[in-house]
Amino acid sequence: MCFKVNPNKAASRIREAALFFKGILIPFRRIYYFSLLFRYFNSQQLQFRMAHLFRDHIEAISPLTDEEFSYILSHFIIKKAKKHSFLIQEGDPVRYEYFVMKGCLKAYLVDGNTGKEFIYYFAAEDWWITDREAFFKQEAATINVECLEDCELLGITLENREKLCAESRKYEHFLLVKSNKGYISLQKRLQMMIMGTAKDRYEHFIRNYPHLYDRIPKAFIASYLGVSRETLSRLYKA
């Protein structure tokens, strides 16, 4: 059987179909472009906020020109990590040292026999975190670093860290001062764990890190202080 096709009708139907699909596709295309613009502006705002906070952090010790800061920042990568995700896991290579721009993390060891966690330290905004031994020796991690909140960080490799120290006296001085403060803080923590009572350790934590107490689960704070959850509750009520 033979069908005759009317060319004018066929062309008209094709035009109608094209207009129909155009009416569907154009809004979707607009949505797609708007989503790209939204992501772009969000990314720009994040980079601006990170640059501002990080510059304030460095300039508390070493004032910088715009050119000096831009050069330092160019050696860092931006890292976003979700709550409960691992920034570092035991046994993995440690490529970066991180500066916390937003969020809170815990660094901890796990007892292989009991599975019990021993929290080494916390890190929130304006703090640095990594497995330092693994990072500086370029070995596998011996601790875990887990996000307690959604986090935004700046990361630098050991190679870029050493490059900046060699090229910038100001950045080298900044790291020296930060390292010395870290050693003093670690010494005080060790003294408190060895000589201090549970009450001493609790009061020291509240006095030095009041902004962390309501952000961190009490079981984690108890682990950090080396006391039971029940003991922490009694100290809190007292």
C-alpha atoms as a PDB file:
ATOM      1  CA  MET A   1       0.000   0.000   0.000  1.00  0.00           C
ATOM      2  CA  CYS A   2       1.337   3.460  -0.905  1.00  0.00           C
ATOM      3  CA  PHE A   3       0.857   6.586   1.279  1.00  0.00           C
ATOM      4  CA  LYS A   4       1.063  10.058  -0.163  1.00  0.00           C
ATOM      5  CA  VAL A   5       2.815  12.622   2.004  1.00  0.00           C
ATOM      6  CA  ASN A   6       1.796  16.234   1.773  1.00  0.00           C
ATOM      7  CA  PRO A   7       5.108  18.178   1.943  1.00  0.00           C
ATOM      8  CA  ASN A   8       3.471  21.339   3.284  1.00  0.00           C
ATOM      9  CA  LYS A   9       1.703  19.451   6.111  1.00  0.00           C
ATOM     10  CA  ALA A  10       4.879  17.559   7.005  1.00  0.00           C
ATOM     11  CA  ALA A  11       6.907  20.777   7.165  1.00  0.00           C
ATOM     12  CA  SER A  12       4.216  22.382   9.324  1.00  0.00           C
ATOM     13  CA  ARG A  13       4.198  19.417  11.731  1.00  0.00           C
ATOM     14  CA  ILE A  14       7.998  19.539  11.974  1.00  0.00           C
ATOM     15  CA  ARG A  15       7.876  23.268  12.812  1.00  0.00           C
ATOM     16  CA  GLU A  16       5.216  22.640  15.470  1.00  0.00           C
ATOM     17  CA  ALA A  17       7.292  19.847  17.009  1.00  0.00           C
ATOM     18  CA  ALA A  18      10.419  22.013  16.995  1.00  0.00           C
ATOM     19  CA  LEU A  19       8.576  24.860  18.750  1.00  0.00           C
ATOM     20  CA  PHE A  20       7.130  22.409  21.287  1.00  0.00           C
ATOM     21  CA  PHE A  21      10.535  20.969  22.212  1.00  0.00           C
ATOM     22  CA  LYS A  22      12.112  24.421  22.161  1.00  0.00           C
ATOM     23  CA  GLY A  23       9.531  25.540  24.726  1.00  0.00           C
ATOM     24  CA  ILE A  24      10.562  22.619  26.953  1.00  0.00           C
ATOM     25  CA  LEU A  25      14.309  22.833  26.457  1.00  0.00           C
ATOM     26  CA  ILE A  26      14.829  26.574  26.862  1.00  0.00           C
ATOM     27  CA  PRO A  27      13.633  26.701  30.515  1.00  0.00           C
ATOM     28  CA  PHE A  28      15.834  23.702  31.356  1.00  0.00           C
ATOM     29  CA  ARG A  29      18.765  25.374  29.633  1.00  0.00           C
ATOM     30  CA  ARG A  30      18.155  28.537  31.634  1.00  0.00           C
ATOM     31  CA  ILE A  31      18.017  26.553  34.866  1.00  0.00           C
ATOM     32  CA  TYR A  32      21.279  24.867  33.944  1.00  0.00           C
ATOM     33  CA  TYR A  33      23.027  28.190  33.245  1.00  0.00           C
ATOM     34  CA  PHE A  34      21.652  29.735  36.444  1.00  0.00           C
ATOM     35  CA  SER A  35      22.956  26.748  38.436  1.00  0.00           C
ATOM     36  CA  LEU A  36      26.405  27.223  36.857  1.00  0.00           C
ATOM     37  CA  LEU A  37      26.377  30.917  37.767  1.00  0.00           C
ATOM     38  CA  PHE A  38      25.218  30.107  41.315  1.00  0.00           C
ATOM     39  CA  ARG A  39      28.050  27.604  41.774  1.00  0.00           C
ATOM     40  CA  TYR A  40      30.540  30.093  40.323  1.00  0.00           C
ATOM     41  CA  PHE A  41      29.519  32.925  42.660  1.00  0.00           C
ATOM     42  CA  ASN A  42      29.459  30.565  45.647  1.00  0.00           C
ATOM     43  CA  SER A  43      32.970  29.433  44.735  1.00  0.00           C
ATOM     44  CA  GLN A  44      34.137  33.051  44.427  1.00  0.00           C
ATOM     45  CA  GLN A  45      32.609  33.949  47.799  1.00  0.00           C
ATOM     46  CA  LEU A  46      34.248  30.906  49.416  1.00  0.00           C
ATOM     47  CA  GLN A  47      37.641  31.823  47.994  1.00  0.00           C
ATOM     48  CA  PHE A  48      37.271  35.438  49.115  1.00  0.00           C
ATOM     49  CA  ARG A  49      36.219  34.405  52.639  1.00  0.00           C
ATOM     50  CA  MET A  50      39.059  31.896  52.894  1.00  0.00           C
ATOM     51  CA  ALA A  51      41.601  34.417  51.645  1.00  0.00           C
ATOM     52  CA  HIS A  52      40.429  37.024  54.161  1.00  0.00           C
ATOM     53  CA  LEU A  53      40.498  34.646  57.162  1.00  0.00           C
ATOM     54  CA  PHE A  54      43.805  33.070  56.228  1.00  0.00           C
ATOM     55  CA  ARG A  55      45.459  36.442  55.670  1.00  0.00           C
ATOM     56  CA  ASP A  56      44.266  37.656  59.089  1.00  0.00           C
ATOM     57  CA  HIS A  57      45.706  34.469  60.599  1.00  0.00           C
ATOM     58  CA  ILE A  58      49.158  35.018  59.080  1.00  0.00           C
ATOM     59  CA  GLU A  59      49.226  38.774  59.627  1.00  0.00           C
ATOM     60  CA  ALA A  60      48.639  38.360  63.353  1.00  0.00           C
ATOM     61  CA  ILE A  61      52.336  37.397  63.268  1.00  0.00           C
ATOM     62  CA  SER A  62      53.796  38.506  59.917  1.00  0.00           C
ATOM     63  CA  PRO A  63      52.304  41.482  58.000  1.00  0.00           C
ATOM     64  CA  LEU A  64      52.175  40.890  54.233  1.00  0.00           C
ATOM     65  CA  THR A  65      51.773  42.896  51.057  1.00  0.00           C
ATOM     66  CA  ASP A  66      48.989  41.894  48.642  1.00  0.00           C
ATOM     67  CA  GLU A  67      51.575  40.343  46.323  1.00  0.00           C
ATOM     68  CA  GLU A  68      53.201  38.351  49.125  1.00  0.00           C
ATOM     69  CA  PHE A  69      49.882  36.994  50.345  1.00  0.00           C
ATOM     70  CA  SER A  70      48.698  36.090  46.831  1.00  0.00           C
ATOM     71  CA  TYR A  71      51.907  34.175  46.260  1.00  0.00           C
ATOM     72  CA  ILE A  72      51.570  32.260  49.549  1.00  0.00           C
ATOM     73  CA  LEU A  73      47.909  31.448  48.882  1.00  0.00           C
ATOM     74  CA  SER A  74      48.742  30.116  45.411  1.00  0.00           C
ATOM     75  CA  HIS A  75      50.548  27.180  47.063  1.00  0.00           C
ATOM     76  CA  PHE A  76      47.390  25.954  48.832  1.00  0.00           C
ATOM     77  CA  ILE A  77      44.436  23.892  47.638  1.00  0.00           C
ATOM     78  CA  ILE A  78      40.828  24.275  48.828  1.00  0.00           C
ATOM     79  CA  LYS A  79      39.350  21.188  50.450  1.00  0.00           C
ATOM     80  CA  LYS A  80      35.719  20.610  51.456  1.00  0.00           C
ATOM     81  CA  ALA A  81      34.833  17.650  53.667  1.00  0.00           C
ATOM     82  CA  LYS A  82      31.467  16.441  54.958  1.00  0.00           C
ATOM     83  CA  LYS A  83      30.580  15.715  58.562  1.00  0.00           C
ATOM     84  CA  HIS A  84      31.722  12.189  59.640  1.00  0.00           C
ATOM     85  CA  SER A  85      34.117  11.912  56.678  1.00  0.00           C
ATOM     86  CA  PHE A  86      37.821  11.225  57.185  1.00  0.00           C
ATOM     87  CA  LEU A  87      40.421  13.796  56.286  1.00  0.00           C
ATOM     88  CA  ILE A  88      43.153  11.292  57.207  1.00  0.00           C
ATOM     89  CA  GLN A  89      42.879   7.564  57.953  1.00  0.00           C
ATOM     90  CA  GLU A  90      45.394   5.363  59.688  1.00  0.00           C
ATOM     91  CA  GLY A  91      47.616   3.586  57.164  1.00  0.00           C
ATOM     92  CA  ASP A  92      47.048   6.112  54.354  1.00  0.00           C
ATOM     93  CA  PRO A  93      49.731   8.470  53.009  1.00  0.00           C
ATOM     94  CA  VAL A  94      49.511  12.015  54.386  1.00  0.00           C
ATOM     95  CA  ARG A  95      49.964  14.530  51.584  1.00  0.00           C
ATOM     96  CA  TYR A  96      48.673  17.715  53.205  1.00  0.00           C
ATOM     97  CA  GLU A  97      48.810  19.864  56.276  1.00  0.00           C
ATOM     98  CA  TYR A  98      45.459  21.638  56.683  1.00  0.00           C
ATOM     99  CA  PHE A  99      44.370  25.034  57.947  1.00  0.00           C
ATOM    100  CA  VAL A 100      40.769  24.966  59.187  1.00  0.00           C
ATOM    101  CA  MET A 101      38.626  27.735  57.724  1.00  0.00           C
ATOM    102  CA  LYS A 102      35.281  26.351  58.843  1.00  0.00           C
ATOM    103  CA  GLY A 103      34.204  23.365  60.924  1.00  0.00           C
ATOM    104  CA  CYS A 104      35.609  21.191  63.675  1.00  0.00           C
ATOM    105  CA  LEU A 105      37.673  17.976  63.561  1.00  0.00           C
ATOM    106  CA  LYS A 106      39.143  15.415  65.928  1.00  0.00           C
ATOM    107  CA  ALA A 107      42.478  13.603  65.697  1.00  0.00           C
ATOM    108  CA  TYR A 108      42.535  10.271  67.485  1.00  0.00           C
ATOM    109  CA  LEU A 109      44.168   6.883  67.964  1.00  0.00           C
ATOM    110  CA  VAL A 110      42.323   3.562  68.157  1.00  0.00           C
ATOM    111  CA  ASP A 111      43.353   0.744  70.503  1.00  0.00           C
ATOM    112  CA  GLY A 112      43.723  -2.308  68.252  1.00  0.00           C
ATOM    113  CA  ASN A 113      42.651  -4.680  71.027  1.00  0.00           C
ATOM    114  CA  THR A 114      39.649  -2.880  72.491  1.00  0.00           C
ATOM    115  CA  GLY A 115      38.644  -0.554  69.656  1.00  0.00           C
ATOM    116  CA  LYS A 116      38.602   2.318  72.166  1.00  0.00           C
ATOM    117  CA  GLU A 117      39.315   5.806  70.850  1.00  0.00           C
ATOM    118  CA  PHE A 118      41.914   8.074  72.431  1.00  0.00           C
ATOM    119  CA  ILE A 119      41.442  11.635  71.224  1.00  0.00           C
ATOM    120  CA  TYR A 120      44.729  13.405  70.677  1.00  0.00           C
ATOM    121  CA  TYR A 121      43.396  16.878  69.901  1.00  0.00           C
ATOM    122  CA  PHE A 122      40.604  18.893  68.300  1.00  0.00           C
ATOM    123  CA  ALA A 123      40.903  21.541  65.601  1.00  0.00           C
ATOM    124  CA  ALA A 124      38.396  24.279  64.789  1.00  0.00           C
ATOM    125  CA  GLU A 125      38.572  27.543  62.856  1.00  0.00           C
ATOM    126  CA  ASP A 126      42.010  29.184  62.801  1.00  0.00           C
ATOM    127  CA  TRP A 127      43.818  25.940  63.750  1.00  0.00           C
ATOM    128  CA  TRP A 128      46.062  23.579  61.804  1.00  0.00           C
ATOM    129  CA  ILE A 129      45.659  19.819  61.655  1.00  0.00           C
ATOM    130  CA  THR A 130      47.391  16.777  60.153  1.00  0.00           C
ATOM    131  CA  ASP A 131      49.264  13.670  61.270  1.00  0.00           C
ATOM    132  CA  ARG A 132      52.490  15.614  61.825  1.00  0.00           C
ATOM    133  CA  GLU A 133      54.862  12.659  62.043  1.00  0.00           C
ATOM    134  CA  ALA A 134      53.472  11.082  58.876  1.00  0.00           C
ATOM    135  CA  PHE A 135      53.382  14.435  57.074  1.00  0.00           C
ATOM    136  CA  PHE A 136      56.971  15.450  57.848  1.00  0.00           C
ATOM    137  CA  LYS A 137      58.407  11.958  57.394  1.00  0.00           C
ATOM    138  CA  GLN A 138      56.176  11.281  54.364  1.00  0.00           C
ATOM    139  CA  GLU A 139      55.027   8.008  55.901  1.00  0.00           C
ATOM    140  CA  ALA A 140      51.665   6.291  56.421  1.00  0.00           C
ATOM    141  CA  ALA A 141      49.328   7.872  58.968  1.00  0.00           C
ATOM    142  CA  THR A 142      49.271   6.488  62.510  1.00  0.00           C
ATOM    143  CA  ILE A 143      46.202   8.511  63.561  1.00  0.00           C
ATOM    144  CA  ASN A 144      42.782   9.308  62.161  1.00  0.00           C
ATOM    145  CA  VAL A 145      41.412  12.786  61.513  1.00  0.00           C
ATOM    146  CA  GLU A 146      37.615  12.908  61.272  1.00  0.00           C
ATOM    147  CA  CYS A 147      35.253  15.808  60.579  1.00  0.00           C
ATOM    148  CA  LEU A 148      32.798  16.513  63.411  1.00  0.00           C
ATOM    149  CA  GLU A 149      31.073  19.099  61.199  1.00  0.00           C
ATOM    150  CA  ASP A 150      31.074  20.013  57.508  1.00  0.00           C
ATOM    151  CA  CYS A 151      34.522  21.517  56.962  1.00  0.00           C
ATOM    152  CA  GLU A 152      36.277  23.918  54.611  1.00  0.00           C
ATOM    153  CA  LEU A 153      40.075  23.823  54.683  1.00  0.00           C
ATOM    154  CA  LEU A 154      43.212  24.993  52.964  1.00  0.00           C
ATOM    155  CA  GLY A 155      45.810  22.294  52.331  1.00  0.00           C
ATOM    156  CA  ILE A 156      49.518  22.537  51.572  1.00  0.00           C
ATOM    157  CA  THR A 157      51.972  19.799  50.610  1.00  0.00           C
ATOM    158  CA  LEU A 158      55.305  19.354  52.363  1.00  0.00           C
ATOM    159  CA  GLU A 159      57.090  20.333  49.145  1.00  0.00           C
ATOM    160  CA  ASN A 160      55.195  23.633  48.892  1.00  0.00           C
ATOM    161  CA  ARG A 161      55.601  24.292  52.615  1.00  0.00           C
ATOM    162  CA  GLU A 162      59.374  23.963  52.350  1.00  0.00           C
ATOM    163  CA  LYS A 163      59.402  26.015  49.142  1.00  0.00           C
ATOM    164  CA  LEU A 164      57.581  28.892  50.844  1.00  0.00           C
ATOM    165  CA  CYS A 165      59.902  28.752  53.849  1.00  0.00           C
ATOM    166  CA  ALA A 166      62.917  28.964  51.541  1.00  0.00           C
ATOM    167  CA  GLU A 167      61.467  31.848  49.532  1.00  0.00           C
ATOM    168  CA  SER A 168      59.681  33.905  52.183  1.00  0.00           C
ATOM    169  CA  ARG A 169      61.297  34.978  55.443  1.00  0.00           C
ATOM    170  CA  LYS A 170      57.924  36.261  56.634  1.00  0.00           C
ATOM    171  CA  TYR A 171      56.189  32.924  56.118  1.00  0.00           C
ATOM    172  CA  GLU A 172      59.105  31.077  57.710  1.00  0.00           C
ATOM    173  CA  HIS A 173      58.860  33.380  60.751  1.00  0.00           C
ATOM    174  CA  PHE A 174      55.092  32.822  60.904  1.00  0.00           C
ATOM    175  CA  LEU A 175      55.532  29.033  60.971  1.00  0.00           C
ATOM    176  CA  LEU A 176      58.278  29.269  63.593  1.00  0.00           C
ATOM    177  CA  VAL A 177      56.070  31.292  65.939  1.00  0.00           C
ATOM    178  CA  LYS A 178      53.088  28.962  65.371  1.00  0.00           C
ATOM    179  CA  SER A 179      55.262  25.897  65.996  1.00  0.00           C
ATOM    180  CA  ASN A 180      56.600  27.319  69.259  1.00  0.00           C
ATOM    181  CA  LYS A 181      53.066  28.063  70.443  1.00  0.00           C
ATOM    182  CA  GLY A 182      52.086  24.499  69.524  1.00  0.00           C
ATOM    183  CA  TYR A 183      54.973  23.046  71.535  1.00  0.00           C
ATOM    184  CA  ILE A 184      53.993  25.146  74.567  1.00  0.00           C
ATOM    185  CA  SER A 185      50.367  24.030  74.271  1.00  0.00           C
ATOM    186  CA  LEU A 186      51.417  20.367  73.982  1.00  0.00           C
ATOM    187  CA  GLN A 187      53.689  20.676  77.018  1.00  0.00           C
ATOM    188  CA  LYS A 188      50.861  22.150  79.074  1.00  0.00           C
ATOM    189  CA  ARG A 189      48.514  19.369  77.969  1.00  0.00           C
ATOM    190  CA  LEU A 190      51.038  16.685  78.951  1.00  0.00           C
ATOM    191  CA  GLN A 191      51.623  18.317  82.319  1.00  0.00           C
ATOM    192  CA  MET A 192      47.887  18.483  82.916  1.00  0.00           C
ATOM    193  CA  MET A 193      47.375  14.821  81.947  1.00  0.00           C
ATOM    194  CA  ILE A 194      50.238  13.672  84.220  1.00  0.00           C
ATOM    195  CA  MET A 195      49.853  15.952  87.227  1.00  0.00           C
ATOM    196  CA  GLY A 196      46.359  17.427  87.033  1.00  0.00           C
ATOM    197  CA  THR A 197      43.211  15.961  88.535  1.00  0.00           C
ATOM    198  CA  ALA A 198      40.119  15.297  86.419  1.00  0.00           C
ATOM    199  CA  LYS A 199      38.710  18.582  87.734  1.00  0.00           C
ATOM    200  CA  ASP A 200      41.913  20.433  86.783  1.00  0.00           C
ATOM    201  CA  ARG A 201      41.815  19.048  83.244  1.00  0.00           C
ATOM    202  CA  TYR A 202      38.116  19.889  82.844  1.00  0.00           C
ATOM    203  CA  GLU A 203      38.557  23.473  84.074  1.00  0.00           C
ATOM    204  CA  HIS A 204      41.615  23.942  81.860  1.00  0.00           C
ATOM    205  CA  PHE A 205      39.598  22.823  78.814  1.00  0.00           C
ATOM    206  CA  ILE A 206      36.651  25.120  79.620  1.00  0.00           C
ATOM    207  CA  ARG A 207      38.974  28.051  80.306  1.00  0.00           C
ATOM    208  CA  ASN A 208      41.017  27.660  77.116  1.00  0.00           C
ATOM    209  CA  TYR A 209      38.398  26.323  74.677  1.00  0.00           C
ATOM    210  CA  PRO A 210      34.967  27.631  75.793  1.00  0.00           C
ATOM    211  CA  HIS A 211      33.800  27.859  72.172  1.00  0.00           C
ATOM    212  CA  LEU A 212      34.303  24.104  71.684  1.00  0.00           C
ATOM    213  CA  TYR A 213      32.359  22.775  74.644  1.00  0.00           C
ATOM    214  CA  ASP A 214      28.904  23.060  73.027  1.00  0.00           C
ATOM    215  CA  ARG A 215      30.135  22.000  69.573  1.00  0.00           C
ATOM    216  CA  ILE A 216      31.728  18.690  70.504  1.00  0.00           C
ATOM    217  CA  PRO A 217      29.893  15.595  71.822  1.00  0.00           C
ATOM    218  CA  LYS A 218      30.573  15.162  75.533  1.00  0.00           C
ATOM    219  CA  ALA A 219      31.847  11.590  75.010  1.00  0.00           C
ATOM    220  CA  PHE A 220      34.635  13.014  72.806  1.00  0.00           C
ATOM    221  CA  ILE A 221      35.532  15.665  75.379  1.00  0.00           C
ATOM    222  CA  ALA A 222      35.675  12.952  78.053  1.00  0.00           C
ATOM    223  CA  SER A 223      38.052  10.924  75.867  1.00  0.00           C
ATOM    224  CA  TYR A 224      40.238  13.985  75.292  1.00  0.00           C
ATOM    225  CA  LEU A 225      40.394  14.659  79.043  1.00  0.00           C
ATOM    226  CA  GLY A 226      41.035  10.999  79.883  1.00  0.00           C
ATOM    227  CA  VAL A 227      37.911  10.626  82.029  1.00  0.00           C
ATOM    228  CA  SER A 228      34.677   8.666  81.752  1.00  0.00           C
ATOM    229  CA  ARG A 229      31.473  10.205  80.406  1.00  0.00           C
ATOM    230  CA  GLU A 230      29.947   9.876  83.889  1.00  0.00           C
ATOM    231  CA  THR A 231      32.864  11.731  85.481  1.00  0.00           C
ATOM    232  CA  LEU A 232      32.509  14.534  82.940  1.00  0.00           C
ATOM    233  CA  SER A 233      28.809  14.833  83.777  1.00  0.00           C
ATOM    234  CA  ARG A 234      29.603  15.131  87.487  1.00  0.00           C
ATOM    235  CA  LEU A 235      32.230  17.785  86.792  1.00  0.00           C
ATOM    236  CA  TYR A 236      29.778  19.718  84.617  1.00  0.00           C
ATOM    237  CA  LYS A 237      27.068  19.664  87.311  1.00  0.00           C
ATOM    238  CA  ALA A 238      29.558  20.696  89.978  1.00  0.00           C
END
